[in-house]
Amino acid sequence: MARASIALKRPLDWRVIVAFASLIAVGLYLLIGAMMIRVGFPLDDTWIHLTYARNFAEHGEWAFRLGEQSAGSTSPLWTLLLSIGYLIRLAPYGWTFFLGWLMLTLLAIFAEASARKLLAGYQPRIPWIGIFFAFAWHLAWAATSGMETLLHALLIFLVLTSLIGDSRRYSMLGLLAGLSVWVRPDGATLLGPILFTIVLTENNWNSRGRSALSVLIGFGALFLLYLLFNLALSGNPMPNTFYAKQAEYQTVWLGQPLKDRLMEYLAPIFASPFIALFPGVLVWVGGAIRNRNWGALAGVVWFVGYILIYFLRLPPYQHGRYIIPAFPILYLWGLLGMAGFMLNAKSNPRLKFLWKTLVAVLLVFFLILGGLQNAKDVFWVESEMVATAEWVKQNIPPDAILAVHDIGAMGYFVSNPLVDLAGLVDPGVIPFIRDEPSLAIYLNDRAVGYLIVPPGFYKELIENREILFVAGGASSSAKPDEHMLVLKWKR
């Protein structure tokens, strides 16, 4: 009886609380989506990963179309993890959402653990920083997206927090940086802050050289395998998407005014509870400068450079999903600065209360708002991409060649041969991806029978073509030129 009483009084492990908070966030997003339409994914690209995962698990082929190996998966490691779901018969939904919850939980746990390590006075029973990470809407959205975003964010976070804590495990840091490339090619940028920290923290050039060599060996081993993997599949060192996305958006994106592009990139960062943490970032970075914490400052330089790379190449579409992996370290800086202020006995009590209240209110507000946005995203993909694929499966001959702009759901649900107009799986169109006359010739040469596109992207290609199907339905909020169309290509 006495032992049972002691067990009841023992406080709940904070890791369990964080895991439960992550489960609430993921469950909430799935519930809202199911209430609006049904359980699904907010991105068509998720179905690309799932198609590769299914084909690998069930047929042992790294291919989007069986018998045609290709490098269309930007994230081989994530695709490999997804393939497990098909082996245990929990795909495409159950296992994918479990992985999303797991990544969110691990990220939140490491964030809480980092705060407890970096701030000696921060040892609360309730893991406030971990809960913030679990409820941050961009991270919750990423957890239910079925994409590699949070796995990439986790690896980045592990590297940058290790540098803040003055880690000397350089071989491990090199391996983590190399592993991150298997999740996204931009993981190679992590070499920058690691080497930057080595140069500024090691005492002599001999020590710097040995440390840098340890990093490069760890990174190089995995990076070389990654390059060979892509070369074997496509003849290029990087996946097809690396080239296709830049070719598709570069001209249009760079043609916009600088001010407009800047505002588009700031929007996803500040349209979140981070807006209340910004003062904390200034406090933390200021302290890092005063204390000459070169590892922390290396992370700041990396963050600016990471955002700048994408700013110069791609628009921040889909809630800035390409830059979301950089958000966790930004959140941590803000939360550390805020927690330091709260722990300071000289800080104004009223200001402490107001700051905590503002962060809590914004956290919950954006969590709910993000859940509604996620449901809209799921509705979009299900009513446009998935519905179109289902119609094609029922109404188009299975041997007809389809030219498709958004290939994810179409590739997963339909067995027809595909011509990829976005160049994600088949790079053939990349040299003339926005040249519609050249695309028309290409489609004729490939004996395409049907064209499946949003009309706003291909105004010349769809001209005078017979429309067989219009996706969306009466309840869709899409504009007329955004609905997916199925058109007969052969006249």
Foldseek 3Di string as FASTA:
>chain_A
DVVVVVVVPDFDQQLVVLLVLLVVLLVLLQVLLCVLPRGDALDLVLLQLVQQLCCCLPPVANALAPPAFAQLDQAQVLSVQCNVCVVVVNPDARSLLVVLSVLLSLLLVVLLVLLCVVDVPPDDSHSVSSSLSSLWLVSSSVSSNSALLSVLLSLLVVLLSCLLVVHLPQLVSLLSLLNSSSRHVVSVLSLQLSLQSLVPPDDDPVSSVVSNVSSCVNNVVSLVVQQVVNCVRPVGSGHQCVLLQQLVCQVVLVPDDPVVLVCQLVVLLCLTLCVLLVVLLVQLVVVCVVVVSSSNVSLVVSLVVQSVVCSNGHGCPPSNSSSVSSNSVSSSSSVSSLVVLVPDPPHDPVVNVVSVVSSVVRSVVVSVVSSNVRSLSRLCCCQAVLVVLVCCQVPPPLAAEEEEASCSNNSNRGNYHYDHLSRSTPVPCSVPSQPQVVVLVVCVVVRHFKYKYQCVRRVPQCPPWAWDDWTDPPPRPDDNSGTITITTRDD
